[in-house]
Amino acid sequence: MVANDPALHSPERFEGAEEIEEGVTVFMDAVPDLVVEPGAYAETGDGAILEWTCRGHDTGAWGDWTGRGEELELPGVSIVRLSDGRLVEERMYLDPNMTTRNRRPPQG
């Protein structure tokens, strides 16, 4: 499987299970209370398109950001391609500046 995130800081491409797992782990470590809320969904001939929004608190480093404990909201879109019923490619489109704009200081 290939996961490609062209909007995250600079284009990043993760190929194979190890690279994808490493990329996901870095993000999950940075936002340990991550919740992904699905949005609109459409099937295509060989895959699907899904809108989603990630929410959580940035408590660790991710890309150029350092964890500040702030609440974040990150909307995005995934386009996935299937082959023989298996996910073989995912392209994620997101605006990392949207995360910066949507950060809110911790309450309390």
PDB file of N, CA and C in Angstrom:
ATOM      1  N   MET A   1       0.839  -1.178   0.000  1.00  0.00           N
ATOM      2  CA  MET A   1       0.000   0.000   0.000  1.00  0.00           C
ATOM      3  C   MET A   1       0.881   1.236   0.000  1.00  0.00           C
ATOM      4  N   VAL A   2       0.443   2.270  -0.654  1.00  0.00           N
ATOM      5  CA  VAL A   2       1.141   3.551  -0.698  1.00  0.00           C
ATOM      6  C   VAL A   2       0.222   4.596  -0.091  1.00  0.00           C
ATOM      7  N   ALA A   3       0.729   5.357   0.870  1.00  0.00           N
ATOM      8  CA  ALA A   3      -0.006   6.503   1.401  1.00  0.00           C
ATOM      9  C   ALA A   3       0.781   7.735   1.013  1.00  0.00           C
ATOM     10  N   ASN A   4       0.114   8.693   0.428  1.00  0.00           N
ATOM     11  CA  ASN A   4       0.793   9.889  -0.050  1.00  0.00           C
ATOM     12  C   ASN A   4       0.080  11.107   0.511  1.00  0.00           C
ATOM     13  N   ASP A   5       0.804  11.974   1.177  1.00  0.00           N
ATOM     14  CA  ASP A   5       0.224  13.156   1.799  1.00  0.00           C
ATOM     15  C   ASP A   5       0.878  14.390   1.194  1.00  0.00           C
ATOM     16  N   PRO A   6       0.380  14.878   0.048  1.00  0.00           N
ATOM     17  CA  PRO A   6       1.047  15.974  -0.647  1.00  0.00           C
ATOM     18  C   PRO A   6       0.903  17.324   0.024  1.00  0.00           C
ATOM     19  N   ALA A   7       0.022  17.480   0.994  1.00  0.00           N
ATOM     20  CA  ALA A   7      -0.196  18.793   1.593  1.00  0.00           C
ATOM     21  C   ALA A   7       0.495  18.960   2.939  1.00  0.00           C
ATOM     22  N   LEU A   8       1.056  17.918   3.478  1.00  0.00           N
ATOM     23  CA  LEU A   8       1.627  17.970   4.813  1.00  0.00           C
ATOM     24  C   LEU A   8       3.064  18.475   4.744  1.00  0.00           C
ATOM     25  N   HIS A   9       3.250  19.755   5.092  1.00  0.00           N
ATOM     26  CA  HIS A   9       4.562  20.403   5.091  1.00  0.00           C
ATOM     27  C   HIS A   9       5.186  20.321   3.702  1.00  0.00           C
ATOM     28  N   SER A  10       5.738  19.223   3.352  1.00  0.00           N
ATOM     29  CA  SER A  10       6.216  18.983   2.001  1.00  0.00           C
ATOM     30  C   SER A  10       5.649  17.616   1.617  1.00  0.00           C
ATOM     31  N   PRO A  11       5.587  17.329   0.328  1.00  0.00           N
ATOM     32  CA  PRO A  11       5.025  16.026  -0.045  1.00  0.00           C
ATOM     33  C   PRO A  11       5.782  14.892   0.633  1.00  0.00           C
ATOM     34  N   GLU A  12       5.023  14.015   1.264  1.00  0.00           N
ATOM     35  CA  GLU A  12       5.606  12.836   1.891  1.00  0.00           C
ATOM     36  C   GLU A  12       4.955  11.620   1.279  1.00  0.00           C
ATOM     37  N   ARG A  13       5.752  10.612   1.059  1.00  0.00           N
ATOM     38  CA  ARG A  13       5.242   9.374   0.480  1.00  0.00           C
ATOM     39  C   ARG A  13       5.691   8.231   1.377  1.00  0.00           C
ATOM     40  N   PHE A  14       4.738   7.433   1.786  1.00  0.00           N
ATOM     41  CA  PHE A  14       5.027   6.261   2.606  1.00  0.00           C
ATOM     42  C   PHE A  14       4.683   5.040   1.771  1.00  0.00           C
ATOM     43  N   GLU A  15       5.656   4.160   1.588  1.00  0.00           N
ATOM     44  CA  GLU A  15       5.428   2.945   0.814  1.00  0.00           C
ATOM     45  C   GLU A  15       5.669   1.744   1.696  1.00  0.00           C
ATOM     46  N   GLY A  16       4.748   0.811   1.634  1.00  0.00           N
ATOM     47  CA  GLY A  16       4.889  -0.427   2.389  1.00  0.00           C
ATOM     48  C   GLY A  16       4.406  -0.272   3.821  1.00  0.00           C
ATOM     49  N   ALA A  17       4.110  -1.400   4.419  1.00  0.00           N
ATOM     50  CA  ALA A  17       3.519  -1.435   5.760  1.00  0.00           C
ATOM     51  C   ALA A  17       4.388  -0.740   6.801  1.00  0.00           C
ATOM     52  N   GLU A  18       5.704  -0.938   6.758  1.00  0.00           N
ATOM     53  CA  GLU A  18       6.587  -0.343   7.784  1.00  0.00           C
ATOM     54  C   GLU A  18       6.569   1.181   7.740  1.00  0.00           C
ATOM     55  N   GLU A  19       6.708   1.761   6.558  1.00  0.00           N
ATOM     56  CA  GLU A  19       6.720   3.223   6.444  1.00  0.00           C
ATOM     57  C   GLU A  19       5.373   3.823   6.822  1.00  0.00           C
ATOM     58  N   ILE A  20       4.303   3.181   6.392  1.00  0.00           N
ATOM     59  CA  ILE A  20       2.976   3.689   6.730  1.00  0.00           C
ATOM     60  C   ILE A  20       2.758   3.618   8.231  1.00  0.00           C
ATOM     61  N   GLU A  21       3.121   2.498   8.843  1.00  0.00           N
ATOM     62  CA  GLU A  21       2.973   2.352  10.295  1.00  0.00           C
ATOM     63  C   GLU A  21       3.788   3.412  11.035  1.00  0.00           C
ATOM     64  N   GLU A  22       5.003   3.667  10.579  1.00  0.00           N
ATOM     65  CA  GLU A  22       5.854   4.678  11.221  1.00  0.00           C
ATOM     66  C   GLU A  22       5.219   6.065  11.120  1.00  0.00           C
ATOM     67  N   GLY A  23       4.706   6.427   9.937  1.00  0.00           N
ATOM     68  CA  GLY A  23       4.072   7.726   9.753  1.00  0.00           C
ATOM     69  C   GLY A  23       2.838   7.888  10.624  1.00  0.00           C
ATOM     70  N   VAL A  24       2.023   6.855  10.703  1.00  0.00           N
ATOM     71  CA  VAL A  24       0.824   6.896  11.540  1.00  0.00           C
ATOM     72  C   VAL A  24       1.210   6.972  13.012  1.00  0.00           C
ATOM     73  N   THR A  25       2.224   6.225  13.413  1.00  0.00           N
ATOM     74  CA  THR A  25       2.661   6.221  14.809  1.00  0.00           C
ATOM     75  C   THR A  25       3.130   7.601  15.251  1.00  0.00           C
ATOM     76  N   VAL A  26       3.880   8.297  14.403  1.00  0.00           N
ATOM     77  CA  VAL A  26       4.354   9.642  14.747  1.00  0.00           C
ATOM     78  C   VAL A  26       3.164  10.565  15.004  1.00  0.00           C
ATOM     79  N   PHE A  27       2.156  10.510  14.128  1.00  0.00           N
ATOM     80  CA  PHE A  27       0.986  11.361  14.305  1.00  0.00           C
ATOM     81  C   PHE A  27       0.195  10.956  15.548  1.00  0.00           C
ATOM     82  N   MET A  28       0.016   9.663  15.758  1.00  0.00           N
ATOM     83  CA  MET A  28      -0.741   9.188  16.925  1.00  0.00           C
ATOM     84  C   MET A  28      -0.014   9.525  18.225  1.00  0.00           C
ATOM     85  N   ASP A  29       1.306   9.494  18.231  1.00  0.00           N
ATOM     86  CA  ASP A  29       2.068   9.893  19.420  1.00  0.00           C
ATOM     87  C   ASP A  29       1.896  11.386  19.694  1.00  0.00           C
ATOM     88  N   ALA A  30       1.788  12.188  18.635  1.00  0.00           N
ATOM     89  CA  ALA A  30       1.640  13.634  18.781  1.00  0.00           C
ATOM     90  C   ALA A  30       0.224  14.019  19.198  1.00  0.00           C
ATOM     91  N   VAL A  31      -0.755  13.198  18.818  1.00  0.00           N
ATOM     92  CA  VAL A  31      -2.168  13.473  19.132  1.00  0.00           C
ATOM     93  C   VAL A  31      -2.770  12.176  19.690  1.00  0.00           C
ATOM     94  N   PRO A  32      -2.424  11.825  20.937  1.00  0.00           N
ATOM     95  CA  PRO A  32      -2.823  10.518  21.470  1.00  0.00           C
ATOM     96  C   PRO A  32      -4.321  10.342  21.688  1.00  0.00           C
ATOM     97  N   ASP A  33      -5.070  11.429  21.794  1.00  0.00           N
ATOM     98  CA  ASP A  33      -6.525  11.314  21.973  1.00  0.00           C
ATOM     99  C   ASP A  33      -7.269  11.537  20.659  1.00  0.00           C
ATOM    100  N   LEU A  34      -6.605  11.256  19.554  1.00  0.00           N
ATOM    101  CA  LEU A  34      -7.149  11.479  18.222  1.00  0.00           C
ATOM    102  C   LEU A  34      -8.494  10.782  18.019  1.00  0.00           C
ATOM    103  N   VAL A  35      -9.427  11.534  17.463  1.00  0.00           N
ATOM    104  CA  VAL A  35     -10.711  11.005  17.012  1.00  0.00           C
ATOM    105  C   VAL A  35     -10.870  11.440  15.567  1.00  0.00           C
ATOM    106  N   VAL A  36     -11.194  10.500  14.696  1.00  0.00           N
ATOM    107  CA  VAL A  36     -11.426  10.817  13.292  1.00  0.00           C
ATOM    108  C   VAL A  36     -12.918  10.673  13.030  1.00  0.00           C
ATOM    109  N   GLU A  37     -13.537  11.770  12.633  1.00  0.00           N
ATOM    110  CA  GLU A  37     -14.965  11.780  12.341  1.00  0.00           C
ATOM    111  C   GLU A  37     -15.161  11.748  10.835  1.00  0.00           C
ATOM    112  N   PRO A  38     -15.828  10.715  10.321  1.00  0.00           N
ATOM    113  CA  PRO A  38     -16.056  10.643   8.882  1.00  0.00           C
ATOM    114  C   PRO A  38     -17.096  11.653   8.438  1.00  0.00           C
ATOM    115  N   GLY A  39     -16.960  12.083   7.192  1.00  0.00           N
ATOM    116  CA  GLY A  39     -17.918  13.009   6.595  1.00  0.00           C
ATOM    117  C   GLY A  39     -18.522  12.389   5.351  1.00  0.00           C
ATOM    118  N   ALA A  40     -18.605  13.155   4.292  1.00  0.00           N
ATOM    119  CA  ALA A  40     -19.180  12.673   3.038  1.00  0.00           C
ATOM    120  C   ALA A  40     -18.335  11.536   2.482  1.00  0.00           C
ATOM    121  N   TYR A  41     -19.004  10.612   1.797  1.00  0.00           N
ATOM    122  CA  TYR A  41     -18.360   9.417   1.264  1.00  0.00           C
ATOM    123  C   TYR A  41     -18.933   9.126  -0.112  1.00  0.00           C
ATOM    124  N   ALA A  42     -18.075   8.774  -1.065  1.00  0.00           N
ATOM    125  CA  ALA A  42     -18.543   8.392  -2.397  1.00  0.00           C
ATOM    126  C   ALA A  42     -17.658   7.270  -2.921  1.00  0.00           C
ATOM    127  N   GLU A  43     -18.278   6.259  -3.477  1.00  0.00           N
ATOM    128  CA  GLU A  43     -17.525   5.168  -4.096  1.00  0.00           C
ATOM    129  C   GLU A  43     -17.203   5.537  -5.534  1.00  0.00           C
ATOM    130  N   THR A  44     -16.017   5.102  -5.969  1.00  0.00           N
ATOM    131  CA  THR A  44     -15.608   5.302  -7.355  1.00  0.00           C
ATOM    132  C   THR A  44     -15.495   3.921  -7.992  1.00  0.00           C
ATOM    133  N   GLY A  45     -15.082   3.863  -9.242  1.00  0.00           N
ATOM    134  CA  GLY A  45     -14.965   2.578  -9.923  1.00  0.00           C
ATOM    135  C   GLY A  45     -14.023   1.603  -9.233  1.00  0.00           C
ATOM    136  N   ASP A  46     -12.910   2.105  -8.719  1.00  0.00           N
ATOM    137  CA  ASP A  46     -11.941   1.209  -8.083  1.00  0.00           C
ATOM    138  C   ASP A  46     -11.539   1.683  -6.691  1.00  0.00           C
ATOM    139  N   GLY A  47     -12.410   2.457  -6.023  1.00  0.00           N
ATOM    140  CA  GLY A  47     -12.061   2.937  -4.691  1.00  0.00           C
ATOM    141  C   GLY A  47     -13.150   3.811  -4.107  1.00  0.00           C
ATOM    142  N   ALA A  48     -12.721   4.807  -3.348  1.00  0.00           N
ATOM    143  CA  ALA A  48     -13.672   5.683  -2.673  1.00  0.00           C
ATOM    144  C   ALA A  48     -13.016   7.015  -2.329  1.00  0.00           C
ATOM    145  N   ILE A  49     -13.862   7.996  -2.057  1.00  0.00           N
ATOM    146  CA  ILE A  49     -13.431   9.316  -1.595  1.00  0.00           C
ATOM    147  C   ILE A  49     -14.136   9.565  -0.272  1.00  0.00           C
ATOM    148  N   LEU A  50     -13.396   9.981   0.728  1.00  0.00           N
ATOM    149  CA  LEU A  50     -13.966  10.189   2.054  1.00  0.00           C
ATOM    150  C   LEU A  50     -13.476  11.509   2.637  1.00  0.00           C
ATOM    151  N   GLU A  51     -14.417  12.355   3.059  1.00  0.00           N
ATOM    152  CA  GLU A  51     -14.067  13.547   3.836  1.00  0.00           C
ATOM    153  C   GLU A  51     -13.997  13.118   5.297  1.00  0.00           C
ATOM    154  N   TRP A  52     -13.102  13.745   6.054  1.00  0.00           N
ATOM    155  CA  TRP A  52     -12.947  13.419   7.466  1.00  0.00           C
ATOM    156  C   TRP A  52     -12.445  14.636   8.217  1.00  0.00           C
ATOM    157  N   THR A  53     -12.599  14.595   9.533  1.00  0.00           N
ATOM    158  CA  THR A  53     -12.039  15.625  10.398  1.00  0.00           C
ATOM    159  C   THR A  53     -11.366  14.944  11.575  1.00  0.00           C
ATOM    160  N   CYS A  54     -10.091  15.262  11.791  1.00  0.00           N
ATOM    161  CA  CYS A  54      -9.351  14.769  12.955  1.00  0.00           C
ATOM    162  C   CYS A  54      -9.485  15.802  14.071  1.00  0.00           C
ATOM    163  N   ARG A  55      -9.728  15.309  15.275  1.00  0.00           N
ATOM    164  CA  ARG A  55      -9.782  16.180  16.450  1.00  0.00           C
ATOM    165  C   ARG A  55      -8.982  15.533  17.564  1.00  0.00           C
ATOM    166  N   GLY A  56      -8.368  16.362  18.387  1.00  0.00           N
ATOM    167  CA  GLY A  56      -7.596  15.869  19.528  1.00  0.00           C
ATOM    168  C   GLY A  56      -6.777  16.999  20.109  1.00  0.00           C
ATOM    169  N   HIS A  57      -5.778  16.631  20.899  1.00  0.00           N
ATOM    170  CA  HIS A  57      -4.885  17.611  21.531  1.00  0.00           C
ATOM    171  C   HIS A  57      -3.455  17.307  21.105  1.00  0.00           C
ATOM    172  N   ASP A  58      -2.748  18.337  20.657  1.00  0.00           N
ATOM    173  CA  ASP A  58      -1.372  18.157  20.178  1.00  0.00           C
ATOM    174  C   ASP A  58      -0.409  18.166  21.366  1.00  0.00           C
ATOM    175  N   THR A  59      -0.084  16.998  21.841  1.00  0.00           N
ATOM    176  CA  THR A  59       0.804  16.898  23.002  1.00  0.00           C
ATOM    177  C   THR A  59       2.222  16.488  22.643  1.00  0.00           C
ATOM    178  N   GLY A  60       2.484  16.206  21.375  1.00  0.00           N
ATOM    179  CA  GLY A  60       3.823  15.787  20.971  1.00  0.00           C
ATOM    180  C   GLY A  60       4.226  16.414  19.650  1.00  0.00           C
ATOM    181  N   ALA A  61       5.464  16.165  19.234  1.00  0.00           N
ATOM    182  CA  ALA A  61       5.996  16.730  17.993  1.00  0.00           C
ATOM    183  C   ALA A  61       5.401  16.012  16.785  1.00  0.00           C
ATOM    184  N   TRP A  62       5.133  16.808  15.736  1.00  0.00           N
ATOM    185  CA  TRP A  62       4.638  16.265  14.473  1.00  0.00           C
ATOM    186  C   TRP A  62       5.083  17.215  13.379  1.00  0.00           C
ATOM    187  N   GLY A  63       5.941  16.744  12.500  1.00  0.00           N
ATOM    188  CA  GLY A  63       6.463  17.616  11.448  1.00  0.00           C
ATOM    189  C   GLY A  63       7.195  18.797  12.060  1.00  0.00           C
ATOM    190  N   ASP A  64       6.811  19.998  11.648  1.00  0.00           N
ATOM    191  CA  ASP A  64       7.439  21.218  12.142  1.00  0.00           C
ATOM    192  C   ASP A  64       6.843  21.701  13.458  1.00  0.00           C
ATOM    193  N   TRP A  65       5.791  21.054  13.934  1.00  0.00           N
ATOM    194  CA  TRP A  65       5.102  21.523  15.131  1.00  0.00           C
ATOM    195  C   TRP A  65       5.603  20.835  16.380  1.00  0.00           C
ATOM    196  N   THR A  66       5.573  21.559  17.472  1.00  0.00           N
ATOM    197  CA  THR A  66       5.846  20.959  18.770  1.00  0.00           C
ATOM    198  C   THR A  66       4.533  20.927  19.531  1.00  0.00           C
ATOM    199  N   GLY A  67       4.349  19.928  20.361  1.00  0.00           N
ATOM    200  CA  GLY A  67       3.107  19.794  21.106  1.00  0.00           C
ATOM    201  C   GLY A  67       2.936  20.923  22.105  1.00  0.00           C
ATOM    202  N   ARG A  68       1.743  21.505  22.089  1.00  0.00           N
ATOM    203  CA  ARG A  68       1.447  22.589  23.015  1.00  0.00           C
ATOM    204  C   ARG A  68       0.240  22.267  23.889  1.00  0.00           C
ATOM    205  N   GLY A  69      -0.304  21.070  23.750  1.00  0.00           N
ATOM    206  CA  GLY A  69      -1.459  20.691  24.533  1.00  0.00           C
ATOM    207  C   GLY A  69      -2.748  21.329  24.076  1.00  0.00           C
ATOM    208  N   GLU A  70      -2.712  21.945  22.902  1.00  0.00           N
ATOM    209  CA  GLU A  70      -3.893  22.639  22.406  1.00  0.00           C
ATOM    210  C   GLU A  70      -4.822  21.675  21.665  1.00  0.00           C
ATOM    211  N   GLU A  71      -6.094  22.015  21.697  1.00  0.00           N
ATOM    212  CA  GLU A  71      -7.075  21.266  20.937  1.00  0.00           C
ATOM    213  C   GLU A  71      -6.891  21.610  19.466  1.00  0.00           C
ATOM    214  N   LEU A  72      -6.941  20.599  18.612  1.00  0.00           N
ATOM    215  CA  LEU A  72      -6.825  20.872  17.187  1.00  0.00           C
ATOM    216  C   LEU A  72      -7.979  20.251  16.429  1.00  0.00           C
ATOM    217  N   GLU A  73      -8.220  20.809  15.279  1.00  0.00           N
ATOM    218  CA  GLU A  73      -9.237  20.308  14.359  1.00  0.00           C
ATOM    219  C   GLU A  73      -8.620  20.352  12.974  1.00  0.00           C
ATOM    220  N   LEU A  74      -8.566  19.222  12.301  1.00  0.00           N
ATOM    221  CA  LEU A  74      -7.907  19.119  11.004  1.00  0.00           C
ATOM    222  C   LEU A  74      -8.827  18.421  10.012  1.00  0.00           C
ATOM    223  N   PRO A  75      -9.460  19.179   9.107  1.00  0.00           N
ATOM    224  CA  PRO A  75     -10.290  18.552   8.082  1.00  0.00           C
ATOM    225  C   PRO A  75      -9.432  18.083   6.916  1.00  0.00           C
ATOM    226  N   GLY A  76      -9.886  17.040   6.246  1.00  0.00           N
ATOM    227  CA  GLY A  76      -9.158  16.551   5.089  1.00  0.00           C
ATOM    228  C   GLY A  76     -10.000  15.618   4.243  1.00  0.00           C
ATOM    229  N   VAL A  77      -9.392  15.122   3.179  1.00  0.00           N
ATOM    230  CA  VAL A  77     -10.032  14.210   2.246  1.00  0.00           C
ATOM    231  C   VAL A  77      -9.053  13.087   1.933  1.00  0.00           C
ATOM    232  N   SER A  78      -9.555  11.859   1.905  1.00  0.00           N
ATOM    233  CA  SER A  78      -8.766  10.708   1.468  1.00  0.00           C
ATOM    234  C   SER A  78      -9.375  10.141   0.202  1.00  0.00           C
ATOM    235  N   ILE A  79      -8.512   9.821  -0.740  1.00  0.00           N
ATOM    236  CA  ILE A  79      -8.930   9.123  -1.956  1.00  0.00           C
ATOM    237  C   ILE A  79      -8.211   7.782  -1.921  1.00  0.00           C
ATOM    238  N   VAL A  80      -8.979   6.714  -1.905  1.00  0.00           N
ATOM    239  CA  VAL A  80      -8.379   5.384  -1.804  1.00  0.00           C
ATOM    240  C   VAL A  80      -8.645   4.591  -3.075  1.00  0.00           C
ATOM    241  N   ARG A  81      -7.696   3.721  -3.376  1.00  0.00           N
ATOM    242  CA  ARG A  81      -7.817   2.825  -4.534  1.00  0.00           C
ATOM    243  C   ARG A  81      -7.709   1.399  -4.035  1.00  0.00           C
ATOM    244  N   LEU A  82      -8.596   0.550  -4.534  1.00  0.00           N
ATOM    245  CA  LEU A  82      -8.628  -0.852  -4.146  1.00  0.00           C
ATOM    246  C   LEU A  82      -8.223  -1.726  -5.329  1.00  0.00           C
ATOM    247  N   SER A  83      -7.654  -2.880  -5.020  1.00  0.00           N
ATOM    248  CA  SER A  83      -7.352  -3.887  -6.023  1.00  0.00           C
ATOM    249  C   SER A  83      -7.601  -5.246  -5.384  1.00  0.00           C
ATOM    250  N   ASP A  84      -8.414  -6.039  -6.003  1.00  0.00           N
ATOM    251  CA  ASP A  84      -8.788  -7.351  -5.461  1.00  0.00           C
ATOM    252  C   ASP A  84      -9.292  -7.239  -4.027  1.00  0.00           C
ATOM    253  N   GLY A  85     -10.063  -6.182  -3.746  1.00  0.00           N
ATOM    254  CA  GLY A  85     -10.652  -6.006  -2.425  1.00  0.00           C
ATOM    255  C   GLY A  85      -9.693  -5.511  -1.358  1.00  0.00           C
ATOM    256  N   ARG A  86      -8.477  -5.141  -1.745  1.00  0.00           N
ATOM    257  CA  ARG A  86      -7.470  -4.673  -0.788  1.00  0.00           C
ATOM    258  C   ARG A  86      -7.108  -3.223  -1.079  1.00  0.00           C
ATOM    259  N   LEU A  87      -6.863  -2.478  -0.027  1.00  0.00           N
ATOM    260  CA  LEU A  87      -6.437  -1.091  -0.154  1.00  0.00           C
ATOM    261  C   LEU A  87      -4.992  -1.068  -0.655  1.00  0.00           C
ATOM    262  N   VAL A  88      -4.757  -0.428  -1.808  1.00  0.00           N
ATOM    263  CA  VAL A  88      -3.404  -0.387  -2.373  1.00  0.00           C
ATOM    264  C   VAL A  88      -2.837   1.021  -2.447  1.00  0.00           C
ATOM    265  N   GLU A  89      -3.692   2.028  -2.315  1.00  0.00           N
ATOM    266  CA  GLU A  89      -3.193   3.396  -2.353  1.00  0.00           C
ATOM    267  C   GLU A  89      -4.176   4.310  -1.630  1.00  0.00           C
ATOM    268  N   GLU A  90      -3.615   5.265  -0.901  1.00  0.00           N
ATOM    269  CA  GLU A  90      -4.420   6.307  -0.280  1.00  0.00           C
ATOM    270  C   GLU A  90      -3.707   7.631  -0.494  1.00  0.00           C
ATOM    271  N   ARG A  91      -4.451   8.604  -0.939  1.00  0.00           N
ATOM    272  CA  ARG A  91      -3.926   9.967  -1.062  1.00  0.00           C
ATOM    273  C   ARG A  91      -4.726  10.829  -0.108  1.00  0.00           C
ATOM    274  N   MET A  92      -4.005  11.525   0.778  1.00  0.00           N
ATOM    275  CA  MET A  92      -4.651  12.407   1.744  1.00  0.00           C
ATOM    276  C   MET A  92      -4.372  13.845   1.358  1.00  0.00           C
ATOM    277  N   TYR A  93      -5.411  14.638   1.367  1.00  0.00           N
ATOM    278  CA  TYR A  93      -5.284  16.055   1.076  1.00  0.00           C
ATOM    279  C   TYR A  93      -5.772  16.824   2.291  1.00  0.00           C
ATOM    280  N   LEU A  94      -4.884  17.656   2.827  1.00  0.00           N
ATOM    281  CA  LEU A  94      -5.227  18.456   3.992  1.00  0.00           C
ATOM    282  C   LEU A  94      -4.420  19.732   3.957  1.00  0.00           C
ATOM    283  N   ASP A  95      -4.848  20.690   4.726  1.00  0.00           N
ATOM    284  CA  ASP A  95      -4.170  21.973   4.806  1.00  0.00           C
ATOM    285  C   ASP A  95      -3.592  22.100   6.204  1.00  0.00           C
ATOM    286  N   PRO A  96      -2.285  21.890   6.378  1.00  0.00           N
ATOM    287  CA  PRO A  96      -1.718  21.977   7.721  1.00  0.00           C
ATOM    288  C   PRO A  96      -1.903  23.349   8.345  1.00  0.00           C
ATOM    289  N   ASN A  97      -2.054  24.386   7.528  1.00  0.00           N
ATOM    290  CA  ASN A  97      -2.322  25.713   8.078  1.00  0.00           C
ATOM    291  C   ASN A  97      -3.701  25.774   8.722  1.00  0.00           C
ATOM    292  N   MET A  98      -4.629  24.941   8.260  1.00  0.00           N
ATOM    293  CA  MET A  98      -5.956  24.879   8.870  1.00  0.00           C
ATOM    294  C   MET A  98      -5.830  24.396  10.311  1.00  0.00           C
ATOM    295  N   THR A  99      -4.927  23.475  10.565  1.00  0.00           N
ATOM    296  CA  THR A  99      -4.715  23.003  11.935  1.00  0.00           C
ATOM    297  C   THR A  99      -4.239  24.149  12.809  1.00  0.00           C
ATOM    298  N   THR A 100      -3.310  24.941  12.305  1.00  0.00           N
ATOM    299  CA  THR A 100      -2.800  26.087  13.066  1.00  0.00           C
ATOM    300  C   THR A 100      -3.927  27.068  13.347  1.00  0.00           C
ATOM    301  N   ARG A 101      -4.751  27.342  12.371  1.00  0.00           N
ATOM    302  CA  ARG A 101      -5.866  28.278  12.565  1.00  0.00           C
ATOM    303  C   ARG A 101      -6.890  27.740  13.538  1.00  0.00           C
ATOM    304  N   ASN A 102      -7.062  26.416  13.587  1.00  0.00           N
ATOM    305  CA  ASN A 102      -8.107  25.822  14.417  1.00  0.00           C
ATOM    306  C   ASN A 102      -7.631  25.433  15.816  1.00  0.00           C
ATOM    307  N   ARG A 103      -6.383  25.660  16.166  1.00  0.00           N
ATOM    308  CA  ARG A 103      -5.894  25.309  17.502  1.00  0.00           C
ATOM    309  C   ARG A 103      -6.558  26.186  18.558  1.00  0.00           C
ATOM    310  N   ARG A 104      -6.879  25.566  19.669  1.00  0.00           N
ATOM    311  CA  ARG A 104      -7.463  26.301  20.798  1.00  0.00           C
ATOM    312  C   ARG A 104      -6.695  25.927  22.053  1.00  0.00           C
ATOM    313  N   PRO A 105      -6.345  26.936  22.903  1.00  0.00           N
ATOM    314  CA  PRO A 105      -5.623  26.642  24.135  1.00  0.00           C
ATOM    315  C   PRO A 105      -6.429  25.706  25.034  1.00  0.00           C
ATOM    316  N   PRO A 106      -5.739  24.939  25.891  1.00  0.00           N
ATOM    317  CA  PRO A 106      -6.436  24.055  26.818  1.00  0.00           C
ATOM    318  C   PRO A 106      -7.363  24.860  27.732  1.00  0.00           C
ATOM    319  N   GLN A 107      -8.486  24.284  28.087  1.00  0.00           N
ATOM    320  CA  GLN A 107      -9.445  24.930  28.989  1.00  0.00           C
ATOM    321  C   GLN A 107      -9.128  24.557  30.423  1.00  0.00           C
ATOM    322  N   GLY A 108      -9.311  25.508  31.336  1.00  0.00           N
ATOM    323  CA  GLY A 108      -9.180  25.187  32.752  1.00  0.00           C
ATOM    324  C   GLY A 108      -8.039  25.740  33.425  1.00  0.00           C
TER     325      GLY A 108
END
